[in-house]
């Protein structure tokens, strides 16, 4: 523990307390941050205004241990906050997530002004730990070794009124040599199907019309409950929920991608024609060294089956360049798979050592210059393919779910933005009638760029939805709320846009 001299003085518990959460890493962390926000608001904290830049009373870092230099970035941010904390009585800093689970006591040793360190398994303890740190005036470090409560049982401040993450499992049973996540998140634990469907039905009742099923290895769902077809059954059950318009999931593993899942995707109308499936490498020797339990032929076979069943499916992936021992021939095999698979999008990463992973100790570490050159070739190839695949969308009529905050130039171009069923981002001409996030518009695609589409003609149809009603209601509640509340009273805030589904971590 750290001495009380490093803690900020206690603060009046009746004052208004604001919070800010900074999230790094994968969709699981994004969803965990929704839980953290819900817990804090249940405890009476108020979300700090956008752009507060560390001026909140409580700043929470939800960390990732997968990203390169994750620890340096964390300590740099903590160092930036140190003088602010020293000048603001009662300010508190908390660090959670995968890096906290890994580094534990190291964090308060390197940054003694941190008040709370908590792990991936006990996010529900954050309000209690903050209060304990305030009263005792010393750092609280509490890292649970196993899951205390499934995150979906905790309060949630959803970042979107019309789209939501729904966690179906936590943890991972794989042992990929580049990945530390299983050591930090633990073995896979599945939720009961009835609990998942009950949560989805409750969300739909609140106005949500799109859900994304979330898991470290989402299509391995059922291994913990002894049912190999549990995931396909879950997809089909989602198809029976009235009012649920769009279902997505991320991220599956090729090892567990079975024909019954492909059939469920093709035969369930509200399961979207979009698939994110990590490749990592196209080389069989490298896949073996990564301890990935599939090979190039198996991966391309899955792609072929998906395209046969769902011709318009947009398929994206994760790829790591420069894994230890990767030769030019190995890299050429990755380029071959990219050409054959014709991904709509690829999240590409340069391999870097992750302390605590087997790959970090392997021989044959590739020089940075070689990795960079291969990475640039891969990106150039994928950009070309993405553009070619997007050009095939020109002339198509698409139904878009209107998004919030996805088009950075929407205000200056008099456009709005939305997601097609296959998750492609489409910017469209703003119609004369009101269109709200969550509503559905029909447009014709007129132009394609590598990473987005344009619909420059008039909107063909606007369908007002319950999801749009939910967004409008939440926005009105925000406008009607006072600027602050006393500790102990919850607050509902304006939702932020739900991030687009991606592989993000390159760990699946």
Protein backbone atom coordinates (compact mmCIF):
# COMPACT_ATOMS: atom_id res chain seq x y z
CA UNK A 1 0.00 0.00 0.00
CA UNK A 2 1.02 3.61 -0.50
CA UNK A 3 1.37 6.17 2.26
CA UNK A 4 -1.42 8.66 2.89
CA UNK A 5 0.87 11.49 1.79
CA UNK A 6 0.36 10.34 -1.79
CA UNK A 7 -3.42 10.44 -1.52
CA UNK A 8 -5.57 13.50 -2.09
CA UNK A 9 -7.29 14.79 1.07
CA UNK A 10 -10.79 13.52 1.75
CA UNK A 11 -13.63 15.41 0.08
CA UNK A 12 -17.10 16.33 1.28
CA UNK A 13 -19.31 13.34 0.34
CA UNK A 14 -22.28 15.61 -0.34
CA UNK A 15 -20.55 17.50 -3.17
CA UNK A 16 -21.21 16.73 -6.81
CA UNK A 17 -18.71 14.11 -8.04
CA UNK A 18 -17.94 13.69 -11.75
CA UNK A 19 -16.24 10.79 -13.49
CA UNK A 20 -14.38 10.13 -16.72
CA UNK A 21 -13.52 6.68 -18.14
CA UNK A 22 -10.70 6.22 -20.65
CA UNK A 23 -10.97 2.93 -22.51
CA UNK A 24 -8.22 1.12 -24.41
CA UNK A 25 -8.30 -2.11 -26.40
CA UNK A 26 -11.01 -4.48 -27.52
CA UNK A 27 -14.82 -4.49 -27.57
CA UNK A 28 -14.83 -6.42 -24.29
CA UNK A 29 -13.15 -3.44 -22.66
CA UNK A 30 -15.64 -1.06 -24.29
CA UNK A 31 -18.48 -3.13 -22.84
CA UNK A 32 -16.76 -3.33 -19.43
CA UNK A 33 -16.53 0.47 -19.45
CA UNK A 34 -20.30 0.65 -19.95
CA UNK A 35 -20.58 -1.44 -16.78
CA UNK A 36 -18.14 0.79 -14.92
CA UNK A 37 -20.14 3.86 -15.94
CA UNK A 38 -23.35 2.20 -14.77
CA UNK A 39 -21.78 1.31 -11.41
CA UNK A 40 -20.51 4.85 -10.86
CA UNK A 41 -23.83 6.43 -11.82
CA UNK A 42 -25.63 3.99 -9.53
CA UNK A 43 -23.34 5.26 -6.78
CA UNK A 44 -24.28 8.85 -7.62
CA UNK A 45 -21.41 10.04 -9.77
CA UNK A 46 -22.13 12.27 -12.79
CA UNK A 47 -20.40 11.85 -16.13
CA UNK A 48 -17.96 14.69 -16.78
CA UNK A 49 -18.56 16.88 -19.85
CA UNK A 50 -16.83 15.87 -23.08
CA UNK A 51 -13.32 17.24 -23.40
CA UNK A 52 -12.78 17.57 -19.65
CA UNK A 53 -9.26 16.12 -20.11
CA UNK A 54 -8.72 14.82 -16.63
CA UNK A 55 -10.71 17.51 -14.83
CA UNK A 56 -13.21 14.96 -13.48
CA UNK A 57 -13.24 14.08 -9.78
CA UNK A 58 -12.67 10.40 -10.65
CA UNK A 59 -10.66 9.32 -13.69
CA UNK A 60 -10.77 5.60 -14.51
CA UNK A 61 -8.35 3.93 -16.93
CA UNK A 62 -9.71 0.68 -18.39
CA UNK A 63 -6.50 -0.75 -19.77
CA UNK A 64 -5.35 -3.24 -22.38
CA UNK A 65 -2.28 -5.45 -22.10
CA UNK A 66 -2.31 -6.49 -25.77
CA UNK A 67 -1.42 -3.22 -27.46
CA UNK A 68 2.22 -2.34 -28.07
CA UNK A 69 3.71 -0.13 -25.33
CA UNK A 70 0.44 -0.29 -23.38
CA UNK A 71 2.24 0.22 -20.07
CA UNK A 72 4.24 3.22 -21.32
CA UNK A 73 1.06 4.88 -22.56
CA UNK A 74 -0.67 4.25 -19.24
CA UNK A 75 2.17 5.69 -17.13
CA UNK A 76 2.48 8.64 -19.48
CA UNK A 77 -1.20 9.44 -18.98
CA UNK A 78 -0.92 8.91 -15.24
CA UNK A 79 2.06 11.26 -15.14
CA UNK A 80 0.04 13.90 -16.99
CA UNK A 81 -2.65 13.69 -14.29
CA UNK A 82 -0.26 13.78 -11.30
CA UNK A 83 -0.02 17.61 -11.01
CA UNK A 84 -3.77 17.98 -11.53
CA UNK A 85 -4.44 15.52 -8.73
CA UNK A 86 -1.95 17.27 -6.43
CA UNK A 87 -3.78 20.58 -6.89
CA UNK A 88 -7.32 19.18 -6.57
CA UNK A 89 -8.39 17.89 -3.14
CA UNK A 90 -10.52 14.78 -3.42
CA UNK A 91 -9.60 13.84 -6.98
CA UNK A 92 -9.17 10.07 -7.41
CA UNK A 93 -7.56 7.91 -10.10
CA UNK A 94 -8.41 4.25 -10.70
CA UNK A 95 -6.74 1.74 -13.01
CA UNK A 96 -8.53 -1.42 -14.13
CA UNK A 97 -8.58 -3.87 -17.03
CA UNK A 98 -6.03 -6.32 -18.38
CA UNK A 99 -2.88 -4.31 -17.61
CA UNK A 100 -4.06 -3.87 -14.02
CA UNK A 101 -4.70 -7.62 -13.78
CA UNK A 102 -1.15 -8.25 -15.03
CA UNK A 103 0.87 -5.57 -13.23
CA UNK A 104 -1.04 -5.33 -9.93
CA UNK A 105 1.17 -3.74 -7.24
CA UNK A 106 3.59 -2.40 -9.85
CA UNK A 107 1.13 0.35 -10.76
CA UNK A 108 1.04 2.03 -7.34
CA UNK A 109 4.81 1.64 -7.04
CA UNK A 110 5.39 3.48 -10.32
CA UNK A 111 2.49 5.91 -9.85
CA UNK A 112 1.92 6.32 -6.09
CA UNK A 113 -0.81 8.89 -6.68
CA UNK A 114 -3.16 6.18 -8.02
CA UNK A 115 -5.99 5.45 -5.56
CA UNK A 116 -7.46 2.18 -6.84
CA UNK A 117 -6.21 -0.78 -8.87
CA UNK A 118 -8.76 -3.46 -9.80
CA UNK A 119 -8.74 -6.39 -12.21
CA UNK A 120 -10.85 -7.85 -15.01
CA UNK A 121 -12.72 -10.17 -12.63
CA UNK A 122 -13.92 -7.64 -10.04
CA UNK A 123 -15.04 -4.52 -11.87
CA UNK A 124 -18.15 -4.48 -9.67
CA UNK A 125 -15.97 -3.44 -6.70
CA UNK A 126 -14.92 -0.06 -8.15
CA UNK A 127 -17.32 2.21 -6.16
CA UNK A 128 -16.50 0.41 -2.89
CA UNK A 129 -12.76 0.62 -3.53
CA UNK A 130 -12.97 4.33 -4.34
CA UNK A 131 -14.84 4.99 -1.10
CA UNK A 132 -12.41 2.85 0.90
CA UNK A 133 -9.45 4.71 -0.61
CA UNK A 134 -11.09 8.02 0.27
CA UNK A 135 -11.79 7.07 3.88
CA UNK A 136 -8.52 5.27 4.58
CA UNK A 137 -6.46 7.71 2.49
CA UNK A 138 -4.34 4.94 0.99
CA UNK A 139 -4.30 3.04 -2.28
CA UNK A 140 -6.58 0.04 -2.63
CA UNK A 141 -5.27 -2.81 -4.79
CA UNK A 142 -7.77 -5.65 -5.24
CA UNK A 143 -7.29 -8.24 -7.99
CA UNK A 144 -9.66 -11.21 -8.05
CA UNK A 145 -8.22 -14.42 -9.50
CA UNK A 146 -11.54 -15.62 -10.89
CA UNK A 147 -14.80 -14.05 -12.03
CA UNK A 148 -16.84 -12.79 -9.07
CA UNK A 149 -20.01 -11.95 -11.00
CA UNK A 150 -20.80 -12.10 -14.71
CA UNK A 151 -20.49 -8.51 -15.96
CA UNK A 152 -24.00 -8.50 -17.42
CA UNK A 153 -25.45 -8.68 -13.90
CA UNK A 154 -23.97 -5.25 -13.13
CA UNK A 155 -25.59 -1.85 -13.77
CA UNK A 156 -24.86 -0.45 -17.22
CA UNK A 157 -24.69 2.96 -18.82
CA UNK A 158 -25.18 2.02 -22.47
CA UNK A 159 -23.26 4.21 -24.88
CA UNK A 160 -25.98 3.99 -27.51
CA UNK A 161 -29.76 4.16 -27.32
CA UNK A 162 -30.23 2.05 -30.45
CA UNK A 163 -27.35 -0.50 -30.49
CA UNK A 164 -25.88 -2.57 -27.67
CA UNK A 165 -23.19 -5.11 -26.83
CA UNK A 166 -24.44 -8.30 -25.17
CA UNK A 167 -21.74 -10.44 -23.60
CA UNK A 168 -22.37 -14.18 -23.98
CA UNK A 169 -19.09 -15.42 -22.48
CA UNK A 170 -15.90 -14.21 -20.86
CA UNK A 171 -12.43 -15.71 -21.00
CA UNK A 172 -10.80 -17.98 -23.57
CA UNK A 173 -9.62 -21.60 -23.65
CA UNK A 174 -7.09 -21.08 -26.46
CA UNK A 175 -3.34 -20.82 -25.91
CA UNK A 176 -2.17 -18.64 -28.81
CA UNK A 177 1.51 -17.89 -28.27
CA UNK A 178 1.17 -14.15 -29.03
CA UNK A 179 -1.76 -13.55 -26.68
CA UNK A 180 -1.86 -12.88 -22.95
CA UNK A 181 -5.62 -12.46 -22.73
CA UNK A 182 -6.47 -16.01 -21.47
CA UNK A 183 -4.07 -15.48 -18.56
CA UNK A 184 -5.79 -12.21 -17.68
CA UNK A 185 -9.43 -13.00 -18.48
CA UNK A 186 -9.31 -16.65 -17.40
CA UNK A 187 -10.89 -19.76 -18.86
CA UNK A 188 -14.09 -19.42 -20.86
CA UNK A 189 -17.27 -19.05 -18.84
CA UNK A 190 -20.59 -19.09 -20.70
CA UNK A 191 -23.81 -17.39 -19.71
CA UNK A 192 -27.01 -19.40 -19.72
CA UNK A 193 -28.92 -18.92 -23.01
CA UNK A 194 -32.03 -17.86 -21.12
CA UNK A 195 -30.15 -15.06 -19.36
CA UNK A 196 -28.70 -13.81 -22.66
CA UNK A 197 -32.08 -13.79 -24.40
CA UNK A 198 -33.71 -12.12 -21.40
CA UNK A 199 -31.15 -9.31 -21.57
CA UNK A 200 -31.70 -8.90 -25.32
CA UNK A 201 -35.48 -8.81 -24.87
CA UNK A 202 -35.11 -6.16 -22.16
CA UNK A 203 -32.89 -4.07 -24.43
CA UNK A 204 -35.36 -4.35 -27.32
CA UNK A 205 -38.14 -3.25 -24.95
CA UNK A 206 -36.08 -0.12 -24.23
CA UNK A 207 -35.80 0.63 -27.97
CA UNK A 208 -32.55 -1.09 -28.96
CA UNK A 209 -32.82 -2.57 -32.46
CA UNK A 210 -29.26 -3.85 -33.04
CA UNK A 211 -27.23 -6.09 -30.75
CA UNK A 212 -23.73 -7.48 -31.06
CA UNK A 213 -23.05 -10.78 -29.29
CA UNK A 214 -19.68 -10.45 -27.63
CA UNK A 215 -17.10 -12.99 -26.48
CA UNK A 216 -13.35 -13.49 -26.51
CA UNK A 217 -14.05 -16.51 -28.75
CA UNK A 218 -17.72 -16.03 -29.43
CA UNK A 219 -18.47 -19.14 -31.49
CA UNK A 220 -16.91 -21.43 -28.88
CA UNK A 221 -20.00 -20.59 -26.86
CA UNK A 222 -21.41 -23.82 -25.49
CA UNK A 223 -18.11 -25.47 -24.57
CA UNK A 224 -18.68 -24.50 -20.94
CA UNK A 225 -22.23 -25.88 -20.97
CA UNK A 226 -21.54 -28.95 -23.10
CA UNK A 227 -23.42 -28.06 -26.28
CA UNK A 228 -21.39 -27.70 -29.49
CA UNK A 229 -24.35 -26.21 -31.37
CA UNK A 230 -25.24 -23.71 -28.65
CA UNK A 231 -24.04 -20.70 -30.65
CA UNK A 232 -26.05 -21.51 -33.78
CA UNK A 233 -29.09 -22.15 -31.56
CA UNK A 234 -28.55 -18.76 -29.92
CA UNK A 235 -28.44 -17.03 -33.32
CA UNK A 236 -31.69 -18.70 -34.34
CA UNK A 237 -33.31 -17.76 -31.02
CA UNK A 238 -32.33 -14.11 -31.63
CA UNK A 239 -34.24 -14.35 -34.91
CA UNK A 240 -37.45 -14.95 -32.97
CA UNK A 241 -37.24 -11.77 -30.88
CA UNK A 242 -39.84 -9.31 -32.17
CA UNK A 243 -38.39 -5.85 -32.76
CA UNK A 244 -34.77 -6.99 -32.97
CA UNK A 245 -33.72 -5.89 -36.45
CA UNK A 246 -29.99 -6.58 -36.55
CA UNK A 247 -27.77 -9.19 -34.91
CA UNK A 248 -23.98 -9.25 -35.20
CA UNK A 249 -21.24 -11.09 -33.32
CA UNK A 250 -17.52 -10.79 -32.67
CA UNK A 251 -15.04 -12.37 -32.71
CA UNK A 252 -15.27 -15.99 -33.85
CA UNK A 253 -12.35 -18.41 -34.12
CA UNK A 254 -11.89 -20.50 -37.30
CA UNK A 255 -11.38 -23.63 -35.20
CA UNK A 256 -14.95 -23.46 -33.90
CA UNK A 257 -16.64 -22.13 -37.04
CA UNK A 258 -18.98 -24.98 -37.94
CA UNK A 259 -21.49 -25.54 -40.72
CA UNK A 260 -24.45 -25.14 -38.35
CA UNK A 261 -23.30 -21.57 -37.61
CA UNK A 262 -23.13 -20.76 -41.34
CA UNK A 263 -26.62 -22.21 -41.80
CA UNK A 264 -27.96 -20.18 -38.88
CA UNK A 265 -26.45 -16.99 -40.31
CA UNK A 266 -27.95 -17.65 -43.74
CA UNK A 267 -31.38 -18.71 -42.49
CA UNK A 268 -31.97 -16.14 -39.74
CA UNK A 269 -33.13 -12.88 -41.37
CA UNK A 270 -31.97 -10.50 -38.66
CA UNK A 271 -28.43 -11.98 -38.49
CA UNK A 272 -26.49 -9.57 -40.65
CA UNK A 273 -24.41 -10.63 -43.70
CA UNK A 274 -21.18 -9.63 -42.03
CA UNK A 275 -18.41 -11.71 -40.50
CA UNK A 276 -15.21 -10.76 -38.71
CA UNK A 277 -12.93 -13.81 -38.54
CA UNK A 278 -9.27 -13.39 -37.55
CA UNK A 279 -6.72 -14.95 -39.90
CA UNK A 280 -3.52 -13.76 -38.14
CA UNK A 281 -1.28 -15.43 -40.79
CA UNK A 282 -1.70 -17.28 -44.07
CA UNK A 283 1.37 -19.44 -43.48
CA UNK A 284 0.83 -22.93 -42.06
CA UNK A 285 4.23 -22.99 -40.25
CA UNK A 286 3.53 -19.60 -38.66
CA UNK A 287 -0.01 -20.62 -37.70
CA UNK A 288 1.51 -23.67 -36.02
CA UNK A 289 4.04 -21.47 -34.20
CA UNK A 290 1.19 -19.18 -33.15
CA UNK A 291 -0.58 -22.29 -31.83
CA UNK A 292 -3.59 -21.56 -34.03
CA UNK A 293 -5.57 -24.75 -34.53
CA UNK A 294 -6.37 -24.32 -38.26
CA UNK A 295 -4.40 -23.99 -41.46
CA UNK A 296 -4.73 -21.96 -44.65
CA UNK A 297 -6.90 -24.53 -46.43
CA UNK A 298 -9.34 -24.71 -43.52
CA UNK A 299 -9.62 -20.91 -43.32
CA UNK A 300 -10.25 -20.43 -47.04
CA UNK A 301 -12.74 -23.32 -46.95
CA UNK A 302 -14.80 -21.46 -44.35
CA UNK A 303 -14.74 -18.29 -46.45
CA UNK A 304 -15.91 -20.27 -49.48
CA UNK A 305 -18.80 -21.83 -47.53
CA UNK A 306 -19.89 -18.48 -46.09
CA UNK A 307 -19.88 -16.85 -49.52
CA UNK A 308 -21.84 -19.75 -51.02
CA UNK A 309 -24.51 -19.43 -48.34
CA UNK A 310 -24.46 -15.61 -48.04
CA UNK A 311 -23.27 -14.14 -51.37
CA UNK A 312 -23.26 -10.50 -50.21
CA UNK A 313 -21.44 -11.15 -46.93
CA UNK A 314 -18.72 -8.65 -46.05
CA UNK A 315 -15.85 -10.47 -44.38
CA UNK A 316 -13.15 -8.74 -42.33
CA UNK A 317 -10.16 -10.08 -40.47
CA UNK A 318 -7.11 -9.49 -38.25
CA UNK A 319 -3.56 -10.08 -39.50
CA UNK A 320 -0.24 -9.97 -37.67
CA UNK A 321 2.87 -9.18 -39.72
CA UNK A 322 6.38 -10.13 -38.61
CA UNK A 323 5.67 -12.92 -36.14
CA UNK A 324 8.95 -14.55 -34.94
CA UNK A 325 10.38 -16.81 -37.63
CA UNK A 326 8.25 -15.37 -40.44
CA UNK A 327 10.11 -15.66 -43.75
CA UNK A 328 9.35 -13.88 -46.99
CA UNK A 329 7.69 -17.08 -48.20
CA UNK A 330 5.51 -17.14 -45.08
CA UNK A 331 4.53 -13.55 -45.75
CA UNK A 332 3.74 -14.35 -49.37
CA UNK A 333 1.31 -17.00 -48.13
CA UNK A 334 -0.47 -14.31 -46.09
CA UNK A 335 -0.74 -12.11 -49.20
CA UNK A 336 -2.10 -15.14 -51.07
CA UNK A 337 -4.90 -15.62 -48.55
CA UNK A 338 -5.72 -11.90 -48.67
CA UNK A 339 -6.04 -12.09 -52.46
CA UNK A 340 -8.17 -15.24 -52.30
CA UNK A 341 -10.42 -14.17 -49.43
CA UNK A 342 -10.94 -10.60 -50.70
CA UNK A 343 -11.66 -9.15 -47.29
CA UNK A 344 -13.82 -6.05 -47.15
CA UNK A 345 -11.53 -4.82 -44.41
CA UNK A 346 -8.46 -6.04 -42.53
CA UNK A 347 -7.14 -4.86 -39.19
CA UNK A 348 -3.40 -5.22 -39.64
CA UNK A 349 -0.82 -5.24 -36.86
CA UNK A 350 2.95 -5.29 -36.70
CA UNK A 351 4.06 -7.97 -34.29
CA UNK A 352 5.65 -6.67 -31.11
CA UNK A 353 6.69 -8.54 -28.00
CA UNK A 354 4.05 -8.86 -25.30
CA UNK A 355 5.72 -9.65 -21.95
CA UNK A 356 4.36 -12.85 -20.50
CA UNK A 357 3.61 -14.51 -23.84
CA UNK A 358 5.56 -17.50 -25.27
CA UNK A 359 6.17 -15.66 -28.53
CA UNK A 360 8.16 -12.97 -26.71
CA UNK A 361 10.83 -15.58 -25.90
CA UNK A 362 10.94 -17.20 -29.35
CA UNK A 363 13.99 -17.17 -31.58
CA UNK A 364 13.80 -15.47 -34.95
CA UNK A 365 12.48 -12.05 -33.90
CA UNK A 366 12.12 -10.04 -37.12
CA UNK A 367 13.92 -6.68 -37.48
CA UNK A 368 11.62 -3.68 -37.29
CA UNK A 369 12.66 -2.48 -40.76
CA UNK A 370 11.63 -5.81 -42.34
CA UNK A 371 8.31 -5.86 -40.45
CA UNK A 372 7.54 -2.30 -41.53
CA UNK A 373 8.22 -3.04 -45.20
CA UNK A 374 6.02 -6.14 -45.17
CA UNK A 375 3.31 -4.27 -43.31
CA UNK A 376 3.24 -1.52 -45.92
CA UNK A 377 2.92 -4.09 -48.74
CA UNK A 378 0.04 -5.80 -46.94
CA UNK A 379 -1.78 -2.53 -46.28
CA UNK A 380 -1.39 -1.46 -49.92
CA UNK A 381 -2.81 -4.76 -51.16
CA UNK A 382 -5.74 -4.67 -48.75
CA UNK A 383 -6.52 -1.04 -49.62
CA UNK A 384 -6.70 -2.03 -53.29
CA UNK A 385 -9.01 -4.97 -52.54
CA UNK A 386 -11.22 -2.95 -50.17
CA UNK A 387 -11.70 -0.31 -52.84
CA UNK A 388 -12.48 -2.90 -55.52
CA UNK A 389 -14.99 -4.63 -53.24
CA UNK A 390 -16.62 -1.32 -52.33
CA UNK A 391 -16.94 -0.38 -56.02
CA UNK A 392 -19.17 -3.45 -56.42
CA UNK A 393 -21.65 -1.72 -54.11
CA UNK A 394 -22.20 1.20 -56.49
CA UNK A 395 -25.75 1.10 -57.85
CA UNK A 396 -27.04 -1.08 -55.01
CA UNK A 397 -30.02 0.02 -52.94
CA UNK A 398 -29.28 -0.39 -49.25
CA UNK A 399 -31.14 0.02 -45.98
CA UNK A 400 -28.99 1.97 -43.52
CA UNK A 401 -29.38 2.27 -39.79
CA UNK A 402 -28.63 5.94 -39.14
CA UNK A 403 -25.61 6.30 -36.86
CA UNK A 404 -24.54 8.98 -34.42
CA UNK A 405 -21.09 10.47 -34.72
CA UNK A 406 -19.76 8.22 -37.49
CA UNK A 407 -19.29 10.92 -40.13
CA UNK A 408 -16.68 13.48 -39.09
CA UNK A 409 -17.54 15.74 -42.04
CA UNK A 410 -21.33 15.35 -41.88
CA UNK A 411 -21.96 18.92 -40.68
CA UNK A 412 -19.85 20.55 -43.40
CA UNK A 413 -21.07 18.27 -46.21
CA UNK A 414 -24.76 18.37 -45.22
CA UNK A 415 -24.74 14.59 -44.94
CA UNK A 416 -25.65 11.93 -42.42
CA UNK A 417 -24.05 8.54 -41.93
CA UNK A 418 -25.31 5.02 -41.40
CA UNK A 419 -24.34 1.37 -41.45
CA UNK A 420 -25.47 -1.03 -44.17
CA UNK A 421 -26.53 -4.55 -43.17
CA UNK A 422 -22.99 -5.77 -43.94
CA UNK A 423 -21.65 -2.99 -41.65
CA UNK A 424 -20.17 -0.85 -44.43
CA UNK A 425 -20.19 2.84 -43.55
CA UNK A 426 -22.32 4.94 -45.93
CA UNK A 427 -22.54 8.74 -45.96
CA UNK A 428 -25.82 9.94 -47.48
CA UNK A 429 -27.48 13.23 -48.40
CA UNK A 430 -29.45 14.66 -45.52
CA UNK A 431 -33.17 14.53 -46.38
CA UNK A 432 -35.60 17.40 -45.74
CA UNK A 433 -37.51 15.41 -43.12
CA UNK A 434 -36.10 14.69 -39.69
CA UNK A 435 -33.93 11.59 -39.41
CA UNK A 436 -32.72 10.40 -36.03
CA UNK A 437 -29.96 7.95 -35.04
CA UNK A 438 -31.59 4.51 -34.96
CA UNK A 439 -34.00 5.31 -37.79
CA UNK A 440 -33.67 3.42 -41.08
CA UNK A 441 -33.21 5.04 -44.50
CA UNK A 442 -33.11 3.53 -47.98
CA UNK A 443 -30.49 4.92 -50.34
CA UNK A 444 -28.73 4.13 -53.62
CA UNK A 445 -24.93 3.95 -53.52
CA UNK A 446 -23.33 6.31 -56.05
CA UNK A 447 -19.62 6.34 -55.13
CA UNK A 448 -17.09 4.09 -53.42
CA UNK A 449 -13.90 4.86 -51.51
CA UNK A 450 -11.72 2.24 -49.81
CA UNK A 451 -13.26 2.78 -46.39
CA UNK A 452 -16.72 4.22 -47.03
CA UNK A 453 -19.52 4.60 -49.58
CA UNK A 454 -21.50 7.65 -50.68
CA UNK A 455 -25.20 7.93 -51.55
CA UNK A 456 -25.31 11.36 -53.15
CA UNK A 457 -28.84 11.21 -54.52
CA UNK A 458 -32.05 11.82 -52.60
CA UNK A 459 -33.00 9.42 -49.83
CA UNK A 460 -35.51 6.94 -51.24
CA UNK A 461 -37.32 6.18 -47.98
CA UNK A 462 -37.21 7.07 -44.29
CA UNK A 463 -38.57 4.66 -41.67
CA UNK A 464 -38.96 6.06 -38.19
CA UNK A 465 -38.23 3.37 -35.62
CA UNK A 466 -38.58 2.63 -31.93
CA UNK A 467 -34.79 2.88 -31.79
CA UNK A 468 -35.03 6.46 -33.07
CA UNK A 469 -37.72 7.14 -30.46
CA UNK A 470 -35.35 5.81 -27.77
CA UNK A 471 -32.55 8.09 -28.98
CA UNK A 472 -34.91 11.08 -29.00
CA UNK A 473 -36.15 10.27 -25.49
CA UNK A 474 -32.64 9.95 -24.10
CA UNK A 475 -31.59 13.21 -25.72
CA UNK A 476 -34.61 14.99 -24.24
CA UNK A 477 -33.85 13.58 -20.78
CA UNK A 478 -30.31 14.87 -21.05
CA UNK A 479 -31.52 18.35 -21.95
CA UNK A 480 -33.98 18.33 -19.01
CA UNK A 481 -31.42 17.21 -16.41
CA UNK A 482 -29.75 19.72 -14.09
CA UNK A 483 -26.00 20.17 -14.41
CA UNK A 484 -25.22 18.14 -11.29
CA UNK A 485 -26.71 15.94 -8.61
CA UNK A 486 -25.83 15.07 -5.05
CA UNK A 487 -23.88 11.92 -4.36
CA UNK A 488 -26.29 9.01 -4.19
CA UNK A 489 -28.59 10.05 -7.05
CA UNK A 490 -28.16 8.50 -10.52
CA UNK A 491 -28.03 10.42 -13.78
CA UNK A 492 -28.71 9.48 -17.40
CA UNK A 493 -26.53 11.11 -20.03
CA UNK A 494 -26.38 11.54 -23.79
CA UNK A 495 -25.25 8.34 -25.49
CA UNK A 496 -22.06 8.18 -27.48
CA UNK A 497 -21.85 6.32 -30.80
CA UNK A 498 -21.29 2.58 -30.49
CA UNK A 499 -17.92 1.74 -32.07
CA UNK A 500 -18.08 -0.22 -35.30
CA UNK A 501 -17.57 -3.92 -34.86
CA UNK A 502 -13.98 -4.91 -35.47
CA UNK A 503 -11.33 -7.28 -34.35
CA UNK A 504 -9.42 -4.56 -32.63
CA UNK A 505 -7.14 -6.55 -30.35
CA UNK A 506 -5.85 -9.07 -32.87
CA UNK A 507 -6.10 -11.65 -30.14
CA UNK A 508 -8.91 -13.89 -31.36
